N, C-alpha and C. Protein backbone atom coordinates (compact mmCIF):
# COMPACT_ATOMS: atom_id res chain seq x y z
N MET A 1 0.94 -0.97 -0.06
CA MET A 1 -0.09 0.24 0.48
C MET A 1 0.92 1.31 -0.11
N HIS A 2 2.31 1.33 0.44
CA HIS A 2 2.76 2.23 0.62
C HIS A 2 4.28 2.05 1.32
N SER A 3 5.17 3.11 0.99
CA SER A 3 6.57 2.56 0.71
C SER A 3 7.13 3.39 1.54
N ALA A 4 8.41 3.63 2.61
CA ALA A 4 8.52 4.81 3.19
C ALA A 4 9.92 4.60 3.17
N ARG A 5 10.70 5.82 3.64
CA ARG A 5 12.20 5.98 3.78
C ARG A 5 12.37 6.93 5.07
N HIS A 6 13.74 7.12 5.70
CA HIS A 6 13.40 8.19 6.85
C HIS A 6 15.34 8.41 6.74
N ARG A 7 15.03 9.86 6.68
CA ARG A 7 16.50 10.39 7.10
C ARG A 7 16.10 11.67 7.95
N VAL A 8 17.02 12.02 9.22
CA VAL A 8 16.75 12.83 9.91
C VAL A 8 17.92 13.76 9.71
N GLN A 9 17.46 15.43 9.49
CA GLN A 9 17.74 16.14 9.03
C GLN A 9 17.25 17.46 10.01
N ALA A 10 18.08 18.38 10.50
CA ALA A 10 18.12 19.79 11.59
C ALA A 10 16.75 20.59 10.65
N PRO A 11 16.02 21.13 11.73
CA PRO A 11 14.66 22.12 10.96
C PRO A 11 16.00 23.13 10.54
N PRO A 12 14.96 24.51 9.89
CA PRO A 12 16.04 25.57 9.84
C PRO A 12 15.47 26.15 10.82
N ALA A 13 16.06 27.41 10.58
CA ALA A 13 16.39 28.55 11.79
C ALA A 13 15.10 29.10 11.68
N GLU A 14 14.56 29.79 10.63
CA GLU A 14 13.36 30.68 10.56
C GLU A 14 12.46 29.09 9.74
N PRO A 15 11.05 29.75 9.85
CA PRO A 15 10.08 28.87 9.23
C PRO A 15 10.37 29.71 7.67
N PRO A 16 9.71 28.11 7.51
CA PRO A 16 9.67 28.56 5.84
C PRO A 16 8.22 29.26 5.43
N GLY A 17 8.29 30.69 4.17
CA GLY A 17 6.73 31.04 4.21
C GLY A 17 6.34 30.42 2.88
N PRO A 18 5.47 30.31 2.21
CA PRO A 18 4.26 30.00 1.75
C PRO A 18 5.60 29.62 0.23
N ALA A 19 5.50 30.95 -0.50
CA ALA A 19 6.99 30.23 -1.86
C ALA A 19 7.94 28.92 -1.96
N GLU A 20 8.68 29.00 -0.48
CA GLU A 20 9.47 28.18 -0.48
C GLU A 20 8.99 26.94 -0.41
N LEU A 21 7.48 26.97 0.18
CA LEU A 21 6.93 25.53 0.65
C LEU A 21 6.51 24.86 -0.26
N GLY A 22 6.31 25.76 -2.20
CA GLY A 22 5.88 25.26 -2.86
C GLY A 22 6.64 24.81 -3.58
N SER A 23 8.07 25.13 -3.54
CA SER A 23 9.06 24.62 -4.41
C SER A 23 10.15 23.77 -3.56
N ALA A 24 9.08 22.99 -2.42
CA ALA A 24 10.32 21.98 -1.47
C ALA A 24 10.42 20.86 -2.05
N ARG A 25 9.40 20.46 -2.50
CA ARG A 25 9.44 18.83 -3.38
C ARG A 25 10.83 18.75 -4.13
N SER A 26 10.99 19.80 -4.80
CA SER A 26 12.14 19.68 -5.97
C SER A 26 13.21 20.16 -5.20
N THR A 27 13.39 20.62 -3.87
CA THR A 27 14.43 21.32 -3.77
C THR A 27 15.17 20.91 -2.78
N TRP A 28 14.00 19.99 -1.34
CA TRP A 28 14.47 20.07 0.27
C TRP A 28 14.65 18.45 -0.29
N ALA A 29 15.41 17.80 0.37
CA ALA A 29 15.48 16.06 1.27
C ALA A 29 14.71 15.50 2.30
N MET A 30 13.79 14.25 1.90
CA MET A 30 12.92 13.90 2.34
C MET A 30 13.18 13.24 3.98
N ASP A 31 12.72 13.75 4.74
CA ASP A 31 12.92 12.79 6.14
C ASP A 31 12.37 11.06 5.33
N ARG A 32 11.13 11.45 5.48
CA ARG A 32 9.86 9.79 5.52
C ARG A 32 9.62 10.02 4.26
N GLN A 33 8.51 9.77 3.78
CA GLN A 33 7.69 9.98 2.84
C GLN A 33 6.90 8.33 2.82
N ALA A 34 5.51 8.30 2.19
CA ALA A 34 4.75 6.99 2.04
C ALA A 34 3.91 7.24 1.02
N ALA A 35 3.94 6.71 0.03
CA ALA A 35 2.60 7.14 -1.20
C ALA A 35 1.96 5.75 -1.18
N ALA A 36 0.54 6.36 -2.02
CA ALA A 36 -0.61 5.08 -2.15
C ALA A 36 -1.00 5.40 -3.58
N THR A 37 -1.30 4.64 -4.19
CA THR A 37 -2.15 5.32 -5.40
C THR A 37 -3.78 4.39 -4.97
N PHE A 38 -4.86 5.23 -5.30
CA PHE A 38 -6.46 4.83 -4.79
C PHE A 38 -7.18 5.16 -6.70
N PRO A 39 -8.16 4.48 -6.43
CA PRO A 39 -9.14 4.61 -8.11
C PRO A 39 -9.75 6.10 -7.82
N GLY A 40 -10.13 6.69 -8.52
CA GLY A 40 -10.38 7.60 -8.36
C GLY A 40 -11.90 7.81 -8.51
N ALA A 41 -12.33 7.03 -7.26
CA ALA A 41 -13.45 7.03 -6.78
C ALA A 41 -13.80 7.52 -5.52
N PRO A 42 -15.29 8.31 -5.12
CA PRO A 42 -16.04 8.59 -4.28
C PRO A 42 -15.26 7.82 -2.69
N GLU A 43 -15.25 6.35 -3.02
CA GLU A 43 -14.82 5.29 -1.93
C GLU A 43 -13.56 5.35 -1.20
N SER A 44 -12.79 6.30 -2.14
CA SER A 44 -11.27 6.26 -2.27
C SER A 44 -10.83 7.89 -1.16
N VAL A 45 -11.82 8.24 -0.67
CA VAL A 45 -11.22 9.03 0.09
C VAL A 45 -11.59 8.52 1.49
N ALA A 46 -11.98 7.64 2.33
CA ALA A 46 -12.14 6.94 3.25
C ALA A 46 -11.42 6.15 3.38
N THR A 47 -10.40 5.58 1.95
CA THR A 47 -9.57 4.87 1.94
C THR A 47 -7.90 5.62 2.15
N ALA A 48 -8.34 6.95 1.70
CA ALA A 48 -6.69 7.78 1.84
C ALA A 48 -7.01 8.26 3.39
N ARG A 49 -8.19 8.48 3.68
CA ARG A 49 -7.97 8.57 5.12
C ARG A 49 -7.42 8.34 6.42
N ARG A 50 -8.06 6.37 5.93
CA ARG A 50 -6.94 5.30 6.91
C ARG A 50 -5.68 5.07 6.34
N PHE A 51 -5.04 5.43 5.01
CA PHE A 51 -3.67 5.99 4.98
C PHE A 51 -2.83 6.67 5.40
N VAL A 52 -3.52 7.76 5.89
CA VAL A 52 -2.89 8.86 6.46
C VAL A 52 -3.02 8.20 8.12
N ARG A 53 -4.11 8.03 8.70
CA ARG A 53 -4.10 7.56 10.06
C ARG A 53 -2.83 6.25 10.12
N ILE A 54 -2.53 5.19 9.40
CA ILE A 54 -1.94 4.42 9.07
C ILE A 54 -0.54 4.90 9.17
N THR A 55 0.05 5.64 8.16
CA THR A 55 1.22 6.38 8.60
C THR A 55 1.77 7.37 9.58
N ALA A 56 0.87 7.62 9.82
CA ALA A 56 0.43 8.78 11.04
C ALA A 56 1.20 7.72 12.33
N ALA A 57 0.52 7.14 12.44
CA ALA A 57 0.99 6.06 13.51
C ALA A 57 2.34 5.23 13.39
N MET A 58 2.57 4.96 11.88
CA MET A 58 4.10 4.44 12.11
C MET A 58 5.01 5.73 12.56
N TRP A 59 4.63 6.86 12.25
CA TRP A 59 5.35 8.01 11.86
C TRP A 59 5.34 8.49 13.43
N GLN A 60 4.32 8.31 14.41
CA GLN A 60 3.77 8.70 16.04
C GLN A 60 3.76 9.97 15.84
N LEU A 61 2.88 10.42 14.75
CA LEU A 61 2.26 11.85 14.92
C LEU A 61 1.27 11.95 16.02
N PRO A 62 1.50 13.17 16.42
CA PRO A 62 0.48 13.65 17.45
C PRO A 62 -1.03 13.47 16.91
N GLY A 63 -2.03 13.78 17.85
CA GLY A 63 -2.92 13.43 17.78
C GLY A 63 -4.10 14.65 16.94
N ASP A 64 -3.36 15.68 17.53
CA ASP A 64 -3.58 17.11 16.25
C ASP A 64 -3.29 17.31 14.59
N THR A 65 -1.84 16.82 14.99
CA THR A 65 -1.42 16.88 13.27
C THR A 65 -1.92 15.83 12.31
N LEU A 66 -2.35 14.55 13.12
CA LEU A 66 -3.11 13.83 12.31
C LEU A 66 -4.59 14.07 12.10
N ALA A 67 -5.12 14.61 12.92
CA ALA A 67 -6.67 15.14 12.60
C ALA A 67 -6.46 16.35 11.48
N ASP A 68 -6.08 17.26 11.71
CA ASP A 68 -5.26 18.21 10.03
C ASP A 68 -4.98 17.38 9.12
N ALA A 69 -4.00 16.43 9.25
CA ALA A 69 -3.50 15.65 8.22
C ALA A 69 -4.70 14.90 7.74
N GLU A 70 -5.32 14.25 8.20
CA GLU A 70 -6.44 13.45 7.52
C GLU A 70 -7.44 14.63 7.21
N LEU A 71 -7.85 15.21 8.09
CA LEU A 71 -8.99 16.20 6.66
C LEU A 71 -8.15 17.31 5.79
N CYS A 72 -7.04 17.30 5.99
CA CYS A 72 -6.58 17.72 4.46
C CYS A 72 -6.38 16.80 3.46
N MET A 73 -5.66 15.72 3.82
CA MET A 73 -6.08 14.57 2.74
C MET A 73 -7.51 14.34 2.22
N SER A 74 -8.33 14.19 3.35
CA SER A 74 -10.14 13.84 2.71
C SER A 74 -10.18 14.84 1.30
N GLU A 75 -9.65 16.34 2.09
CA GLU A 75 -10.56 17.36 1.06
C GLU A 75 -9.64 17.25 -0.36
N LEU A 76 -8.55 16.97 -0.62
CA LEU A 76 -7.89 16.70 -1.59
C LEU A 76 -7.91 16.04 -2.56
N VAL A 77 -8.37 14.72 -1.69
CA VAL A 77 -8.96 13.71 -2.76
C VAL A 77 -9.96 13.56 -2.85
N GLY A 78 -11.24 14.10 -2.18
CA GLY A 78 -12.60 14.73 -2.28
C GLY A 78 -12.53 15.64 -3.78
N ASN A 79 -11.59 16.68 -3.80
CA ASN A 79 -11.59 17.40 -4.91
C ASN A 79 -11.11 16.82 -5.80
N ALA A 80 -10.53 15.42 -5.67
CA ALA A 80 -9.70 14.82 -7.58
C ALA A 80 -10.72 14.10 -7.29
N VAL A 81 -11.62 13.05 -6.84
CA VAL A 81 -12.44 12.67 -7.27
C VAL A 81 -13.97 13.09 -8.11
N THR A 82 -14.03 14.43 -7.13
CA THR A 82 -14.89 14.75 -8.12
C THR A 82 -15.07 15.79 -8.71
N HIS A 83 -14.00 16.34 -8.71
CA HIS A 83 -13.65 17.37 -9.49
C HIS A 83 -12.94 17.15 -10.98
N THR A 84 -12.58 15.82 -11.55
CA THR A 84 -11.80 15.47 -12.42
C THR A 84 -12.23 14.41 -13.18
N SER A 85 -11.69 13.32 -14.08
CA SER A 85 -12.20 12.66 -14.28
C SER A 85 -11.41 11.47 -14.21
N SER A 86 -10.60 11.62 -13.24
CA SER A 86 -9.33 10.62 -13.12
C SER A 86 -9.61 9.51 -12.91
N SER A 87 -8.72 8.39 -13.47
CA SER A 87 -8.82 7.09 -13.10
C SER A 87 -8.63 6.78 -12.29
N ARG A 88 -7.95 7.47 -11.04
CA ARG A 88 -6.83 6.80 -10.30
C ARG A 88 -6.17 7.99 -9.75
N VAL A 89 -5.86 8.30 -8.41
CA VAL A 89 -5.20 9.50 -7.79
C VAL A 89 -3.73 8.60 -6.98
N HIS A 90 -3.01 9.70 -6.73
CA HIS A 90 -1.72 8.86 -6.15
C HIS A 90 -1.65 9.98 -5.19
N CYS A 91 -1.64 9.27 -3.73
CA CYS A 91 -1.46 9.80 -2.47
C CYS A 91 0.28 10.39 -1.88
N ARG A 92 0.86 11.33 -1.21
CA ARG A 92 1.80 11.21 -0.66
C ARG A 92 1.76 12.03 0.40
N LEU A 93 2.50 11.80 1.51
CA LEU A 93 3.00 12.36 2.58
C LEU A 93 4.50 11.72 3.02
N TRP A 94 4.67 13.30 3.18
CA TRP A 94 6.07 13.20 3.73
C TRP A 94 6.68 14.72 4.39
N SER A 95 7.76 14.67 5.32
CA SER A 95 8.28 15.30 5.71
C SER A 95 9.58 15.72 5.33
N ALA A 96 9.56 17.25 5.82
CA ALA A 96 11.16 17.93 5.81
C ALA A 96 10.89 18.93 6.98
N ARG A 97 12.45 19.23 7.07
CA ARG A 97 12.02 20.45 7.89
C ARG A 97 11.33 20.96 8.65
N GLY A 98 10.77 19.94 9.48
CA GLY A 98 9.70 20.25 10.00
C GLY A 98 8.49 20.79 9.86
N VAL A 99 8.07 19.97 8.69
CA VAL A 99 6.91 20.18 7.85
C VAL A 99 6.41 19.12 7.00
N LEU A 100 5.24 18.58 7.48
CA LEU A 100 4.58 17.80 6.54
C LEU A 100 3.81 18.11 5.73
N PHE A 101 4.42 17.24 4.59
CA PHE A 101 3.27 17.15 2.97
C PHE A 101 2.46 16.49 2.71
N LEU A 102 1.38 16.99 2.44
CA LEU A 102 0.60 16.17 2.06
C LEU A 102 -0.06 15.97 -0.03
N GLU A 103 0.55 15.05 -0.81
CA GLU A 103 0.17 15.77 -1.96
C GLU A 103 -0.86 14.80 -2.36
N VAL A 104 -1.71 15.36 -3.32
CA VAL A 104 -2.66 13.80 -4.15
C VAL A 104 -2.48 14.38 -6.05
N ASP A 105 -2.03 13.55 -6.00
CA ASP A 105 -2.42 13.82 -7.75
C ASP A 105 -2.76 13.18 -9.21
N ASP A 106 -3.39 14.28 -9.47
CA ASP A 106 -4.38 13.28 -10.39
C ASP A 106 -4.61 13.34 -12.16
N GLU A 107 -5.33 12.81 -12.36
CA GLU A 107 -5.21 12.98 -14.21
C GLU A 107 -5.52 14.55 -14.65
N ASP A 108 -6.08 15.43 -14.47
CA ASP A 108 -6.44 16.71 -15.28
C ASP A 108 -5.97 17.61 -15.14
N ARG A 109 -5.32 17.86 -15.77
CA ARG A 109 -4.52 18.89 -16.03
C ARG A 109 -4.65 20.71 -16.10
N CYS A 110 -6.15 20.78 -16.71
CA CYS A 110 -6.75 21.92 -16.83
C CYS A 110 -7.22 22.72 -15.67
N ASP A 111 -7.78 22.14 -14.56
CA ASP A 111 -8.73 22.43 -13.63
C ASP A 111 -7.89 22.38 -12.02
N LEU A 112 -7.10 23.67 -11.65
CA LEU A 112 -6.59 24.15 -10.60
C LEU A 112 -7.31 24.28 -9.84
N PRO A 113 -7.19 23.99 -8.43
CA PRO A 113 -8.12 24.62 -7.38
C PRO A 113 -8.10 26.22 -6.90
N GLN A 114 -9.10 26.69 -6.63
CA GLN A 114 -8.50 28.10 -6.25
C GLN A 114 -9.82 28.27 -4.87
N LEU A 115 -8.92 29.57 -4.08
CA LEU A 115 -9.71 29.25 -3.17
C LEU A 115 -11.62 30.05 -3.56
N GLU A 116 -12.43 29.66 -3.38
CA GLU A 116 -13.65 30.56 -3.41
C GLU A 116 -14.79 30.28 -1.69
N GLN A 117 -15.66 31.08 -1.85
CA GLN A 117 -16.47 31.05 -0.69
C GLN A 117 -17.79 31.05 -1.41
N ALA A 118 -18.32 29.27 -0.65
CA ALA A 118 -18.83 28.99 -0.60
C ALA A 118 -20.51 29.76 -0.12
N GLU A 119 -21.49 29.42 -0.73
CA GLU A 119 -23.17 30.25 -0.18
C GLU A 119 -23.47 29.19 0.84
N ASP A 120 -24.20 30.23 1.84
CA ASP A 120 -24.78 29.24 3.11
C ASP A 120 -25.69 27.42 2.54
N GLU A 121 -26.32 27.88 1.29
CA GLU A 121 -26.66 26.70 0.75
C GLU A 121 -26.16 25.45 0.33
N ASP A 122 -24.94 25.60 -0.11
CA ASP A 122 -24.08 25.20 -1.49
C ASP A 122 -23.66 23.99 -0.46
N GLU A 123 -24.05 22.88 -1.57
CA GLU A 123 -23.68 21.64 -0.91
C GLU A 123 -21.99 21.06 -1.03
N HIS A 124 -21.34 21.70 -1.91
CA HIS A 124 -19.91 21.50 -2.14
C HIS A 124 -19.10 23.15 -1.81
N GLY A 125 -18.11 23.21 -2.38
CA GLY A 125 -16.91 24.42 -2.52
C GLY A 125 -16.70 24.29 -1.21
N ARG A 126 -16.61 23.72 -0.43
CA ARG A 126 -15.71 24.82 1.22
C ARG A 126 -14.47 23.69 1.16
N GLY A 127 -13.93 22.60 0.31
CA GLY A 127 -12.58 21.65 0.87
C GLY A 127 -11.10 22.66 0.51
N ILE A 128 -11.32 23.31 -0.30
CA ILE A 128 -10.40 24.46 -0.55
C ILE A 128 -10.18 25.15 0.92
N LEU A 129 -11.27 25.81 1.05
CA LEU A 129 -11.65 26.96 2.39
C LEU A 129 -10.87 26.15 3.25
N LEU A 130 -11.12 25.07 3.53
CA LEU A 130 -10.89 23.55 4.89
C LEU A 130 -9.24 23.73 4.65
N ILE A 131 -8.82 23.55 3.42
CA ILE A 131 -7.27 23.44 3.44
C ILE A 131 -7.03 24.30 3.58
N ASP A 132 -7.52 25.58 3.39
CA ASP A 132 -6.45 26.65 3.57
C ASP A 132 -6.43 27.49 5.23
N THR A 133 -7.87 27.04 5.99
CA THR A 133 -7.72 27.13 7.32
C THR A 133 -7.04 26.64 7.82
N PHE A 134 -6.72 25.14 7.63
CA PHE A 134 -5.93 24.19 8.60
C PHE A 134 -4.59 23.86 8.23
N ALA A 135 -4.10 24.47 6.74
CA ALA A 135 -2.89 23.99 6.16
C ALA A 135 -1.86 25.69 6.41
N THR A 136 -0.54 25.06 6.46
CA THR A 136 0.20 26.22 6.60
C THR A 136 0.56 27.02 5.48
N ALA A 137 0.41 26.37 4.56
CA ALA A 137 0.54 26.51 3.19
C ALA A 137 -0.37 25.76 2.32
N TRP A 138 -0.80 25.98 0.50
CA TRP A 138 -1.32 25.05 0.17
C TRP A 138 -1.45 25.35 -1.49
N GLY A 139 -1.09 24.46 -2.78
CA GLY A 139 -0.86 24.73 -3.61
C GLY A 139 -1.54 23.57 -4.86
N ALA A 140 -0.82 24.28 -5.96
CA ALA A 140 -1.28 22.87 -7.48
C ALA A 140 -0.38 23.19 -8.26
N VAL A 141 0.20 22.91 -8.74
CA VAL A 141 0.77 22.72 -10.06
C VAL A 141 1.29 21.65 -11.06
N PRO A 142 0.87 21.78 -11.95
CA PRO A 142 0.66 21.04 -13.68
C PRO A 142 1.87 19.99 -13.62
N LYS A 143 1.91 19.07 -13.56
CA LYS A 143 2.60 18.00 -14.11
C LYS A 143 2.98 17.66 -15.28
N PRO A 144 4.45 17.75 -15.39
CA PRO A 144 5.49 18.04 -16.37
C PRO A 144 5.07 16.55 -17.24
N GLY A 145 5.18 16.71 -18.64
CA GLY A 145 4.90 15.16 -19.63
C GLY A 145 3.17 15.26 -20.02
N ALA A 146 3.06 13.88 -19.09
CA ALA A 146 1.90 13.20 -19.44
C ALA A 146 0.46 14.09 -19.23
N GLY A 147 0.67 15.09 -18.50
CA GLY A 147 -0.30 16.12 -17.83
C GLY A 147 -1.17 15.60 -16.13
N GLY A 148 -1.54 16.25 -15.96
CA GLY A 148 -2.67 15.82 -14.60
C GLY A 148 -1.68 17.16 -13.50
N LYS A 149 -2.00 17.14 -12.17
CA LYS A 149 -1.51 18.44 -11.69
C LYS A 149 -1.55 17.27 -10.22
N THR A 150 -0.80 18.47 -9.54
CA THR A 150 0.17 18.01 -7.88
C THR A 150 -1.02 18.71 -7.03
N VAL A 151 -2.01 18.75 -6.17
CA VAL A 151 -2.25 19.41 -5.41
C VAL A 151 -1.79 19.36 -3.94
N TRP A 152 -0.95 19.90 -3.08
CA TRP A 152 -0.59 19.84 -2.05
C TRP A 152 -0.82 20.56 -0.54
N ALA A 153 -0.47 20.33 0.32
CA ALA A 153 -0.59 20.88 1.30
C ALA A 153 0.32 20.67 2.39
N ALA A 154 0.54 21.76 3.31
CA ALA A 154 1.56 21.60 4.29
C ALA A 154 1.64 21.99 6.10
N LEU A 155 1.86 21.38 6.49
CA LEU A 155 0.92 21.38 8.12
C LEU A 155 2.52 21.46 8.46
N LYS A 156 2.47 22.29 9.58
CA LYS A 156 3.92 22.57 10.53
C LYS A 156 3.98 21.37 11.25
N LEU A 157 4.51 20.51 11.68
CA LEU A 157 4.98 19.38 12.47
C LEU A 157 5.15 20.48 13.83
N PRO A 158 4.82 19.69 15.20
CA PRO A 158 5.38 20.20 16.44
C PRO A 158 6.90 20.36 16.29
N PRO A 159 7.47 21.29 17.42
CA PRO A 159 9.06 21.25 17.99
C PRO A 159 9.23 19.65 17.81
N ASP A 160 8.55 19.06 19.06
CA ASP A 160 9.53 17.59 19.64
C ASP A 160 8.95 16.49 18.04
N ARG A 161 8.58 17.12 16.85
CA ARG A 161 8.47 15.86 15.85
C ARG A 161 9.15 16.14 14.54
N SER A 162 9.07 17.16 14.74
CA SER A 162 10.24 17.82 13.55
C SER A 162 11.45 16.91 13.01
N ASP A 163 11.57 15.85 13.55
CA ASP A 163 12.68 15.22 13.12
C ASP A 163 12.17 14.22 12.28
N LEU A 164 10.91 14.10 11.94
CA LEU A 164 10.08 12.58 11.11
C LEU A 164 10.75 13.30 9.30
């Protein structure tokens, strides 16, 4: 279901800003990572939450971080399976420099998510708002080559867990 690797690295002196977090995947050495691929179906939201819980247990993440990570991953996967015609979604959790990253790849390059305000009676439209509320930063980038995009969220790890 997933793979993992481990490398300990000292956290930076200053917390990274949103721009630095957006380029972290291509420039930061990962401490740990786990990945899983699921069908592009609504049932995959629950499976992705389970993947986060299992990974969080292995990494001994605190409960608050687990709750935020589970919520953000649910919204990322939910958006991918609801708003794209992807046959599969690829989920990644990784940590570096005291930050936990959650990423979801889908097969739709055209529709980058945006922060929008949903009306009270709307049944959808609050996922990115929730991610924006709970995450330190988030973003979306088109994948090079075959298409698709990666939508990501970053959560600061508590100081005693920044060695993940």
